[in-house]
PDB file of N, CA and C in Angstrom:
ATOM      1  N   MET A   1      85.959  92.107 121.935  1.00  0.00           N
ATOM      2  CA  MET A   1      85.101  91.693 120.380  1.00  0.00           C
ATOM      3  C   MET A   1      85.174  90.238 120.562  1.00  0.00           C
ATOM      4  N   ALA A   2      84.171  89.632 120.437  1.00  0.00           N
ATOM      5  CA  ALA A   2      84.247  88.070 120.274  1.00  0.00           C
ATOM      6  C   ALA A   2      84.640  87.830 118.888  1.00  0.00           C
ATOM      7  N   GLY A   3      84.516  86.359 118.713  1.00  0.00           N
ATOM      8  CA  GLY A   3      84.975  85.871 117.411  1.00  0.00           C
ATOM      9  C   GLY A   3      86.217  84.898 117.818  1.00  0.00           C
ATOM     10  N   LYS A   4      86.363  83.851 117.137  1.00  0.00           N
ATOM     11  CA  LYS A   4      87.551  82.681 117.174  1.00  0.00           C
ATOM     12  C   LYS A   4      88.365  82.975 116.309  1.00  0.00           C
ATOM     13  N   TYR A   5      89.168  84.055 116.519  1.00  0.00           N
ATOM     14  CA  TYR A   5      90.473  84.330 115.574  1.00  0.00           C
ATOM     15  C   TYR A   5      91.558  84.147 116.607  1.00  0.00           C
ATOM     16  N   PRO A   6      92.846  83.677 115.829  1.00  0.00           N
ATOM     17  CA  PRO A   6      93.913  83.564 116.726  1.00  0.00           C
ATOM     18  C   PRO A   6      94.487  84.730 117.425  1.00  0.00           C
ATOM     19  N   ASN A   7      95.336  84.708 118.389  1.00  0.00           N
ATOM     20  CA  ASN A   7      95.466  85.799 119.198  1.00  0.00           C
ATOM     21  C   ASN A   7      96.342  86.907 118.306  1.00  0.00           C
ATOM     22  N   ARG A   8      97.146  86.412 117.433  1.00  0.00           N
ATOM     23  CA  ARG A   8      97.692  87.282 116.556  1.00  0.00           C
ATOM     24  C   ARG A   8      97.103  88.226 115.662  1.00  0.00           C
ATOM     25  N   PHE A   9      95.726  87.713 115.345  1.00  0.00           N
ATOM     26  CA  PHE A   9      94.745  88.804 114.668  1.00  0.00           C
ATOM     27  C   PHE A   9      94.271  89.513 115.531  1.00  0.00           C
ATOM     28  N   LYS A  10      94.179  89.110 116.931  1.00  0.00           N
ATOM     29  CA  LYS A  10      93.325  90.070 117.989  1.00  0.00           C
ATOM     30  C   LYS A  10      94.278  91.107 118.249  1.00  0.00           C
ATOM     31  N   GLU A  11      95.529  91.135 117.735  1.00  0.00           N
ATOM     32  CA  GLU A  11      96.304  92.218 118.165  1.00  0.00           C
ATOM     33  C   GLU A  11      96.267  93.328 117.037  1.00  0.00           C
ATOM     34  N   LEU A  12      95.791  93.000 115.945  1.00  0.00           N
ATOM     35  CA  LEU A  12      95.453  93.966 114.804  1.00  0.00           C
ATOM     36  C   LEU A  12      94.727  95.281 115.607  1.00  0.00           C
ATOM     37  N   PRO A  13      94.989  96.169 114.684  1.00  0.00           N
ATOM     38  CA  PRO A  13      93.865  97.564 115.214  1.00  0.00           C
ATOM     39  C   PRO A  13      92.434  97.093 114.787  1.00  0.00           C
ATOM     40  N   LEU A  14      91.587  97.647 115.354  1.00  0.00           N
ATOM     41  CA  LEU A  14      90.230  97.537 115.492  1.00  0.00           C
ATOM     42  C   LEU A  14      89.728  98.358 114.396  1.00  0.00           C
ATOM     43  N   TYR A  15      88.832  97.899 113.358  1.00  0.00           N
ATOM     44  CA  TYR A  15      88.078  98.709 112.284  1.00  0.00           C
ATOM     45  C   TYR A  15      87.120  99.610 113.021  1.00  0.00           C
ATOM     46  N   ASP A  16      86.986 100.720 112.512  1.00  0.00           N
ATOM     47  CA  ASP A  16      85.903 101.873 113.230  1.00  0.00           C
ATOM     48  C   ASP A  16      84.761 101.813 112.229  1.00  0.00           C
ATOM     49  N   GLY A  17      83.914 101.012 112.506  1.00  0.00           N
ATOM     50  CA  GLY A  17      82.690 101.134 111.533  1.00  0.00           C
ATOM     51  C   GLY A  17      81.275 100.467 112.311  1.00  0.00           C
ATOM     52  N   ARG A  18      80.495 100.300 111.274  1.00  0.00           N
ATOM     53  CA  ARG A  18      79.306  99.587 111.730  1.00  0.00           C
ATOM     54  C   ARG A  18      79.303  98.233 112.539  1.00  0.00           C
ATOM     55  N   PHE A  19      80.279  97.611 112.340  1.00  0.00           N
ATOM     56  CA  PHE A  19      80.644  96.313 113.148  1.00  0.00           C
ATOM     57  C   PHE A  19      81.933  96.070 113.538  1.00  0.00           C
ATOM     58  N   ASP A  20      82.045  95.142 114.327  1.00  0.00           N
ATOM     59  CA  ASP A  20      83.354  94.825 114.874  1.00  0.00           C
ATOM     60  C   ASP A  20      84.447  93.909 113.832  1.00  0.00           C
ATOM     61  N   ALA A  21      85.586  94.251 113.906  1.00  0.00           N
ATOM     62  CA  ALA A  21      86.487  93.858 113.058  1.00  0.00           C
ATOM     63  C   ALA A  21      87.929  94.239 113.200  1.00  0.00           C
ATOM     64  N   TYR A  22      88.805  93.185 112.933  1.00  0.00           N
ATOM     65  CA  TYR A  22      90.275  93.313 113.081  1.00  0.00           C
ATOM     66  C   TYR A  22      90.764  93.763 111.639  1.00  0.00           C
ATOM     67  N   LYS A  23      91.552  94.906 111.414  1.00  0.00           N
ATOM     68  CA  LYS A  23      91.741  95.193 110.263  1.00  0.00           C
ATOM     69  C   LYS A  23      93.254  95.041 109.856  1.00  0.00           C
ATOM     70  N   LEU A  24      93.641  94.290 108.920  1.00  0.00           N
ATOM     71  CA  LEU A  24      94.919  94.139 108.512  1.00  0.00           C
ATOM     72  C   LEU A  24      95.286  95.013 107.003  1.00  0.00           C
ATOM     73  N   SER A  25      95.822  96.000 107.145  1.00  0.00           N
ATOM     74  CA  SER A  25      96.047  96.897 105.946  1.00  0.00           C
ATOM     75  C   SER A  25      97.028  96.293 104.879  1.00  0.00           C
ATOM     76  N   ALA A  26      96.567  96.374 103.487  1.00  0.00           N
ATOM     77  CA  ALA A  26      97.605  95.851 102.578  1.00  0.00           C
ATOM     78  C   ALA A  26      97.573  96.892 101.459  1.00  0.00           C
ATOM     79  N   GLN A  27      98.641  96.826 100.911  1.00  0.00           N
ATOM     80  CA  GLN A  27      98.557  97.606  99.697  1.00  0.00           C
ATOM     81  C   GLN A  27      97.294  97.563  98.715  1.00  0.00           C
ATOM     82  N   GLU A  28      96.675  98.632  98.354  1.00  0.00           N
ATOM     83  CA  GLU A  28      95.782  98.826  97.341  1.00  0.00           C
ATOM     84  C   GLU A  28      94.462  97.972  98.001  1.00  0.00           C
ATOM     85  N   SER A  29      94.228  97.443  99.215  1.00  0.00           N
ATOM     86  CA  SER A  29      93.261  96.745  99.642  1.00  0.00           C
ATOM     87  C   SER A  29      93.209  96.767 101.312  1.00  0.00           C
ATOM     88  N   ASP A  30      92.334  96.205 102.050  1.00  0.00           N
ATOM     89  CA  ASP A  30      92.241  96.169 103.442  1.00  0.00           C
ATOM     90  C   ASP A  30      91.506  94.897 103.696  1.00  0.00           C
ATOM     91  N   VAL A  31      92.068  94.064 105.005  1.00  0.00           N
ATOM     92  CA  VAL A  31      91.338  92.834 105.147  1.00  0.00           C
ATOM     93  C   VAL A  31      91.010  92.960 106.459  1.00  0.00           C
ATOM     94  N   LEU A  32      89.648  92.553 106.792  1.00  0.00           N
ATOM     95  CA  LEU A  32      88.798  92.683 107.823  1.00  0.00           C
ATOM     96  C   LEU A  32      88.587  91.056 108.274  1.00  0.00           C
ATOM     97  N   PHE A  33      88.724  90.982 109.677  1.00  0.00           N
ATOM     98  CA  PHE A  33      88.377  89.875 110.456  1.00  0.00           C
ATOM     99  C   PHE A  33      87.232  90.277 111.258  1.00  0.00           C
ATOM    100  N   ALA A  34      85.813  89.757 110.870  1.00  0.00           N
ATOM    101  CA  ALA A  34      84.798  90.592 111.255  1.00  0.00           C
ATOM    102  C   ALA A  34      83.928  89.662 112.103  1.00  0.00           C
ATOM    103  N   ASN A  35      83.235  89.881 112.926  1.00  0.00           N
ATOM    104  CA  ASN A  35      82.176  89.249 113.834  1.00  0.00           C
ATOM    105  C   ASN A  35      80.942  89.982 113.793  1.00  0.00           C
ATOM    106  N   TYR A  36      79.962  89.318 113.722  1.00  0.00           N
ATOM    107  CA  TYR A  36      78.673  89.841 113.896  1.00  0.00           C
ATOM    108  C   TYR A  36      77.825  89.235 114.712  1.00  0.00           C
ATOM    109  N   PRO A  37      77.434  89.796 115.863  1.00  0.00           N
ATOM    110  CA  PRO A  37      76.466  89.089 116.717  1.00  0.00           C
ATOM    111  C   PRO A  37      75.039  88.838 116.121  1.00  0.00           C
ATOM    112  N   ALA A  38      74.482  87.932 116.617  1.00  0.00           N
ATOM    113  CA  ALA A  38      73.189  87.263 116.330  1.00  0.00           C
ATOM    114  C   ALA A  38      72.190  88.633 116.230  1.00  0.00           C
ATOM    115  N   GLY A  39      71.276  88.551 115.170  1.00  0.00           N
ATOM    116  CA  GLY A  39      70.710  89.825 115.044  1.00  0.00           C
ATOM    117  C   GLY A  39      70.996  91.186 114.339  1.00  0.00           C
ATOM    118  N   THR A  40      72.196  90.972 114.071  1.00  0.00           N
ATOM    119  CA  THR A  40      72.786  92.186 113.285  1.00  0.00           C
ATOM    120  C   THR A  40      72.216  92.431 112.041  1.00  0.00           C
ATOM    121  N   ASN A  41      71.673  93.598 111.606  1.00  0.00           N
ATOM    122  CA  ASN A  41      71.247  94.097 110.489  1.00  0.00           C
ATOM    123  C   ASN A  41      72.026  95.186 109.992  1.00  0.00           C
ATOM    124  N   ILE A  42      72.596  95.141 108.827  1.00  0.00           N
ATOM    125  CA  ILE A  42      73.328  96.272 108.218  1.00  0.00           C
ATOM    126  C   ILE A  42      72.560  96.754 106.753  1.00  0.00           C
ATOM    127  N   PRO A  43      72.061  98.051 107.044  1.00  0.00           N
ATOM    128  CA  PRO A  43      71.177  98.687 106.347  1.00  0.00           C
ATOM    129  C   PRO A  43      71.722  98.777 104.816  1.00  0.00           C
ATOM    130  N   PRO A  44      70.788  98.936 103.638  1.00  0.00           N
ATOM    131  CA  PRO A  44      71.362  99.265 102.360  1.00  0.00           C
ATOM    132  C   PRO A  44      72.519 100.424 102.496  1.00  0.00           C
ATOM    133  N   HIS A  45      73.559 100.014 101.698  1.00  0.00           N
ATOM    134  CA  HIS A  45      74.758 101.110 101.561  1.00  0.00           C
ATOM    135  C   HIS A  45      75.557 100.603 100.274  1.00  0.00           C
ATOM    136  N   THR A  46      76.557 101.490 100.064  1.00  0.00           N
ATOM    137  CA  THR A  46      77.506 101.100  98.726  1.00  0.00           C
ATOM    138  C   THR A  46      78.870 101.261  99.529  1.00  0.00           C
ATOM    139  N   HIS A  47      79.915 100.786  98.767  1.00  0.00           N
ATOM    140  CA  HIS A  47      81.294 100.957  99.069  1.00  0.00           C
ATOM    141  C   HIS A  47      82.109 101.266  97.685  1.00  0.00           C
ATOM    142  N   ASP A  48      83.078 102.193  97.913  1.00  0.00           N
ATOM    143  CA  ASP A  48      83.855 102.567  96.692  1.00  0.00           C
ATOM    144  C   ASP A  48      84.905 101.389  96.527  1.00  0.00           C
ATOM    145  N   THR A  49      84.784 100.177  97.104  1.00  0.00           N
ATOM    146  CA  THR A  49      85.872  98.930  97.162  1.00  0.00           C
ATOM    147  C   THR A  49      85.282  98.150  96.647  1.00  0.00           C
ATOM    148  N   ASP A  50      85.707  96.966  95.853  1.00  0.00           N
ATOM    149  CA  ASP A  50      85.310  95.759  95.425  1.00  0.00           C
ATOM    150  C   ASP A  50      85.585  94.795  96.432  1.00  0.00           C
ATOM    151  N   ASN A  51      84.696  94.317  96.974  1.00  0.00           N
ATOM    152  CA  ASN A  51      84.397  93.557  98.427  1.00  0.00           C
ATOM    153  C   ASN A  51      84.154  92.048  97.967  1.00  0.00           C
ATOM    154  N   TYR A  52      85.042  91.051  98.505  1.00  0.00           N
ATOM    155  CA  TYR A  52      85.152  89.606  98.486  1.00  0.00           C
ATOM    156  C   TYR A  52      85.181  89.060  99.963  1.00  0.00           C
ATOM    157  N   GLY A  53      84.498  88.365 100.245  1.00  0.00           N
ATOM    158  CA  GLY A  53      84.444  87.742 101.508  1.00  0.00           C
ATOM    159  C   GLY A  53      84.087  86.190 101.503  1.00  0.00           C
ATOM    160  N   VAL A  54      84.754  85.525 102.840  1.00  0.00           N
ATOM    161  CA  VAL A  54      84.438  84.144 103.138  1.00  0.00           C
ATOM    162  C   VAL A  54      83.963  83.929 104.639  1.00  0.00           C
ATOM    163  N   ILE A  55      82.644  83.621 104.529  1.00  0.00           N
ATOM    164  CA  ILE A  55      82.166  82.902 105.837  1.00  0.00           C
ATOM    165  C   ILE A  55      82.877  81.833 106.501  1.00  0.00           C
ATOM    166  N   THR A  56      83.330  82.233 107.943  1.00  0.00           N
ATOM    167  CA  THR A  56      84.070  81.068 108.682  1.00  0.00           C
ATOM    168  C   THR A  56      83.207  80.476 109.722  1.00  0.00           C
ATOM    169  N   ARG A  57      81.897  80.959 109.907  1.00  0.00           N
ATOM    170  CA  ARG A  57      81.030  80.801 111.082  1.00  0.00           C
ATOM    171  C   ARG A  57      79.877  81.343 110.865  1.00  0.00           C
ATOM    172  N   GLY A  58      78.684  80.572 110.898  1.00  0.00           N
ATOM    173  CA  GLY A  58      77.579  81.238 111.050  1.00  0.00           C
ATOM    174  C   GLY A  58      76.763  81.533 109.538  1.00  0.00           C
ATOM    175  N   GLU A  59      76.174  82.614 109.388  1.00  0.00           N
ATOM    176  CA  GLU A  59      75.357  82.728 108.124  1.00  0.00           C
ATOM    177  C   GLU A  59      75.132  84.022 107.602  1.00  0.00           C
ATOM    178  N   LEU A  60      75.261  84.452 106.482  1.00  0.00           N
ATOM    179  CA  LEU A  60      75.177  85.940 106.119  1.00  0.00           C
ATOM    180  C   LEU A  60      74.206  85.906 105.322  1.00  0.00           C
ATOM    181  N   ILE A  61      72.921  86.556 105.259  1.00  0.00           N
ATOM    182  CA  ILE A  61      72.046  86.683 104.294  1.00  0.00           C
ATOM    183  C   ILE A  61      72.133  87.979 103.694  1.00  0.00           C
ATOM    184  N   LEU A  62      72.533  87.789 102.276  1.00  0.00           N
ATOM    185  CA  LEU A  62      73.085  89.225 101.426  1.00  0.00           C
ATOM    186  C   LEU A  62      72.288  89.508 100.582  1.00  0.00           C
ATOM    187  N   THR A  63      71.823  90.854 100.432  1.00  0.00           N
ATOM    188  CA  THR A  63      70.969  91.273  99.434  1.00  0.00           C
ATOM    189  C   THR A  63      71.642  92.202  98.661  1.00  0.00           C
ATOM    190  N   ILE A  64      71.946  91.942  97.216  1.00  0.00           N
ATOM    191  CA  ILE A  64      72.399  93.060  96.421  1.00  0.00           C
ATOM    192  C   ILE A  64      71.439  93.328  95.337  1.00  0.00           C
ATOM    193  N   GLY A  65      70.965  94.652  95.432  1.00  0.00           N
ATOM    194  CA  GLY A  65      69.678  94.871  94.371  1.00  0.00           C
ATOM    195  C   GLY A  65      68.634  94.184  94.855  1.00  0.00           C
ATOM    196  N   ASN A  66      67.769  93.480  94.043  1.00  0.00           N
ATOM    197  CA  ASN A  66      66.727  92.552  94.304  1.00  0.00           C
ATOM    198  C   ASN A  66      67.109  91.222  94.476  1.00  0.00           C
ATOM    199  N   GLU A  67      68.319  90.868  94.477  1.00  0.00           N
ATOM    200  CA  GLU A  67      68.823  89.206  94.739  1.00  0.00           C
ATOM    201  C   GLU A  67      69.280  89.026  96.037  1.00  0.00           C
ATOM    202  N   ILE A  68      68.606  88.267  97.049  1.00  0.00           N
ATOM    203  CA  ILE A  68      69.039  87.655  98.166  1.00  0.00           C
ATOM    204  C   ILE A  68      69.725  86.331  98.245  1.00  0.00           C
ATOM    205  N   THR A  69      70.998  86.053  98.663  1.00  0.00           N
ATOM    206  CA  THR A  69      71.585  85.017  98.684  1.00  0.00           C
ATOM    207  C   THR A  69      71.979  84.645 100.183  1.00  0.00           C
ATOM    208  N   ARG A  70      72.291  83.124 100.475  1.00  0.00           N
ATOM    209  CA  ARG A  70      72.621  82.779 101.737  1.00  0.00           C
ATOM    210  C   ARG A  70      73.976  82.361 101.644  1.00  0.00           C
ATOM    211  N   HIS A  71      74.889  82.469 102.748  1.00  0.00           N
ATOM    212  CA  HIS A  71      76.228  82.119 102.801  1.00  0.00           C
ATOM    213  C   HIS A  71      76.646  81.662 104.006  1.00  0.00           C
ATOM    214  N   GLY A  72      76.911  80.291 103.968  1.00  0.00           N
ATOM    215  CA  GLY A  72      77.567  79.821 105.368  1.00  0.00           C
ATOM    216  C   GLY A  72      79.003  79.636 105.408  1.00  0.00           C
ATOM    217  N   PRO A  73      79.625  78.630 106.186  1.00  0.00           N
ATOM    218  CA  PRO A  73      80.855  78.571 106.309  1.00  0.00           C
ATOM    219  C   PRO A  73      81.417  77.884 105.063  1.00  0.00           C
ATOM    220  N   GLY A  74      82.512  78.473 104.468  1.00  0.00           N
ATOM    221  CA  GLY A  74      83.131  78.244 103.474  1.00  0.00           C
ATOM    222  C   GLY A  74      82.757  78.856 102.222  1.00  0.00           C
ATOM    223  N   ASP A  75      81.551  79.667 102.412  1.00  0.00           N
ATOM    224  CA  ASP A  75      81.004  80.186 101.037  1.00  0.00           C
ATOM    225  C   ASP A  75      81.845  81.389 101.138  1.00  0.00           C
ATOM    226  N   TRP A  76      82.145  81.806  99.559  1.00  0.00           N
ATOM    227  CA  TRP A  76      82.828  83.018  99.229  1.00  0.00           C
ATOM    228  C   TRP A  76      81.557  83.896  98.671  1.00  0.00           C
ATOM    229  N   TYR A  77      81.617  85.006  98.866  1.00  0.00           N
ATOM    230  CA  TYR A  77      80.566  86.176  97.967  1.00  0.00           C
ATOM    231  C   TYR A  77      81.572  87.418  97.405  1.00  0.00           C
ATOM    232  N   HIS A  78      80.651  88.209  96.549  1.00  0.00           N
ATOM    233  CA  HIS A  78      81.398  89.349  96.043  1.00  0.00           C
ATOM    234  C   HIS A  78      80.599  90.129  96.065  1.00  0.00           C
ATOM    235  N   VAL A  79      80.856  91.817  96.332  1.00  0.00           N
ATOM    236  CA  VAL A  79      79.988  92.843  96.173  1.00  0.00           C
ATOM    237  C   VAL A  79      80.813  93.710  95.400  1.00  0.00           C
ATOM    238  N   PRO A  80      80.395  94.187  94.200  1.00  0.00           N
ATOM    239  CA  PRO A  80      80.802  95.047  93.229  1.00  0.00           C
ATOM    240  C   PRO A  80      80.995  96.281  93.809  1.00  0.00           C
ATOM    241  N   ALA A  81      81.907  97.111  93.573  1.00  0.00           N
ATOM    242  CA  ALA A  81      82.385  98.342  94.114  1.00  0.00           C
ATOM    243  C   ALA A  81      80.912  99.439  93.572  1.00  0.00           C
ATOM    244  N   GLY A  82      80.429 100.036  94.492  1.00  0.00           N
ATOM    245  CA  GLY A  82      79.179 100.834  93.948  1.00  0.00           C
ATOM    246  C   GLY A  82      77.803 100.125  94.012  1.00  0.00           C
ATOM    247  N   ALA A  83      77.914  98.745  94.178  1.00  0.00           N
ATOM    248  CA  ALA A  83      76.602  98.095  94.297  1.00  0.00           C
ATOM    249  C   ALA A  83      75.860  98.537  95.446  1.00  0.00           C
ATOM    250  N   VAL A  84      74.579  98.662  95.524  1.00  0.00           N
ATOM    251  CA  VAL A  84      73.727  98.702  96.690  1.00  0.00           C
ATOM    252  C   VAL A  84      73.497  97.497  97.476  1.00  0.00           C
ATOM    253  N   HIS A  85      73.773  97.271  98.618  1.00  0.00           N
ATOM    254  CA  HIS A  85      73.773  95.967  99.514  1.00  0.00           C
ATOM    255  C   HIS A  85      73.531  96.195 100.923  1.00  0.00           C
ATOM    256  N   SER A  86      72.722  95.121 101.233  1.00  0.00           N
ATOM    257  CA  SER A  86      72.422  95.153 102.822  1.00  0.00           C
ATOM    258  C   SER A  86      72.771  93.597 103.321  1.00  0.00           C
ATOM    259  N   ALA A  87      73.198  93.465 104.535  1.00  0.00           N
ATOM    260  CA  ALA A  87      73.472  92.119 105.213  1.00  0.00           C
ATOM    261  C   ALA A  87      72.791  91.871 106.452  1.00  0.00           C
ATOM    262  N   ILE A  88      72.124  90.614 106.705  1.00  0.00           N
ATOM    263  CA  ILE A  88      71.598  90.178 107.746  1.00  0.00           C
ATOM    264  C   ILE A  88      72.257  88.869 108.418  1.00  0.00           C
ATOM    265  N   PHE A  89      72.560  88.910 109.678  1.00  0.00           N
ATOM    266  CA  PHE A  89      72.775  87.854 110.505  1.00  0.00           C
ATOM    267  C   PHE A  89      72.244  87.468 111.444  1.00  0.00           C
ATOM    268  N   LYS A  90      71.483  86.522 111.430  1.00  0.00           N
ATOM    269  CA  LYS A  90      70.377  85.943 112.174  1.00  0.00           C
ATOM    270  C   LYS A  90      71.421  85.093 113.435  1.00  0.00           C
ATOM    271  N   VAL A  91      72.358  84.499 113.160  1.00  0.00           N
ATOM    272  CA  VAL A  91      73.217  83.961 114.038  1.00  0.00           C
ATOM    273  C   VAL A  91      74.478  84.523 114.336  1.00  0.00           C
ATOM    274  N   GLU A  92      75.051  84.316 115.269  1.00  0.00           N
ATOM    275  CA  GLU A  92      76.505  84.969 115.281  1.00  0.00           C
ATOM    276  C   GLU A  92      77.628  84.382 114.251  1.00  0.00           C
ATOM    277  N   THR A  93      78.037  85.551 113.612  1.00  0.00           N
ATOM    278  CA  THR A  93      78.857  85.038 112.371  1.00  0.00           C
ATOM    279  C   THR A  93      80.277  85.674 112.203  1.00  0.00           C
ATOM    280  N   ASP A  94      81.233  84.907 111.864  1.00  0.00           N
ATOM    281  CA  ASP A  94      82.527  85.284 111.602  1.00  0.00           C
ATOM    282  C   ASP A  94      82.902  85.249 110.170  1.00  0.00           C
ATOM    283  N   GLU A  95      83.466  86.213 109.577  1.00  0.00           N
ATOM    284  CA  GLU A  95      84.088  86.299 108.317  1.00  0.00           C
ATOM    285  C   GLU A  95      85.405  86.828 107.998  1.00  0.00           C
ATOM    286  N   ILE A  96      86.048  86.738 106.880  1.00  0.00           N
ATOM    287  CA  ILE A  96      86.867  87.324 106.606  1.00  0.00           C
ATOM    288  C   ILE A  96      86.849  88.368 105.219  1.00  0.00           C
ATOM    289  N   GLU A  97      86.731  89.543 105.124  1.00  0.00           N
ATOM    290  CA  GLU A  97      86.508  90.346 104.390  1.00  0.00           C
ATOM    291  C   GLU A  97      87.741  91.035 103.498  1.00  0.00           C
ATOM    292  N   PHE A  98      87.906  91.091 102.078  1.00  0.00           N
ATOM    293  CA  PHE A  98      88.954  91.510 101.604  1.00  0.00           C
ATOM    294  C   PHE A  98      88.200  92.961 100.449  1.00  0.00           C
ATOM    295  N   TRP A  99      88.801  94.141 100.848  1.00  0.00           N
ATOM    296  CA  TRP A  99      88.214  95.267 100.368  1.00  0.00           C
ATOM    297  C   TRP A  99      89.360  95.749  99.572  1.00  0.00           C
ATOM    298  N   PHE A 100      88.980  95.495  98.111  1.00  0.00           N
ATOM    299  CA  PHE A 100      90.021  96.063  97.023  1.00  0.00           C
ATOM    300  C   PHE A 100      89.569  97.287  96.420  1.00  0.00           C
ATOM    301  N   GLU A 101      90.867  98.202  96.200  1.00  0.00           N
ATOM    302  CA  GLU A 101      90.677  99.626  95.501  1.00  0.00           C
ATOM    303  C   GLU A 101      90.141  98.893  93.776  1.00  0.00           C
ATOM    304  N   PRO A 102      89.167  99.550  93.394  1.00  0.00           N
ATOM    305  CA  PRO A 102      88.580  99.236  92.073  1.00  0.00           C
ATOM    306  C   PRO A 102      89.749  99.650  91.132  1.00  0.00           C
ATOM    307  N   LYS A 103      89.846  98.655  89.832  1.00  0.00           N
ATOM    308  CA  LYS A 103      90.803  98.776  88.962  1.00  0.00           C
ATOM    309  C   LYS A 103      90.281  99.800  87.968  1.00  0.00           C
TER     310      LYS A 103
END
């Protein structure tokens, strides 16, 4: 898997999903260190988790409902549990995602 994460992070288990990520499990949440190759498109879907993320390299084009936002390095975003959303990565992008169990 590509991505500029420290070697310690690369020793974490791989996430088994629609994209490449290292997964750090935590109580009532998961932390993913994700890399998206240029041209990655994630179609509309939902999660049971309340998701927060920060872009560390590249750009995320995020659609939640009818709202489209762009997020670059240092930008945080939030996808509420159950929200229909999709993502486009026109350039190679790294991010850290926090998936919290809803309260």
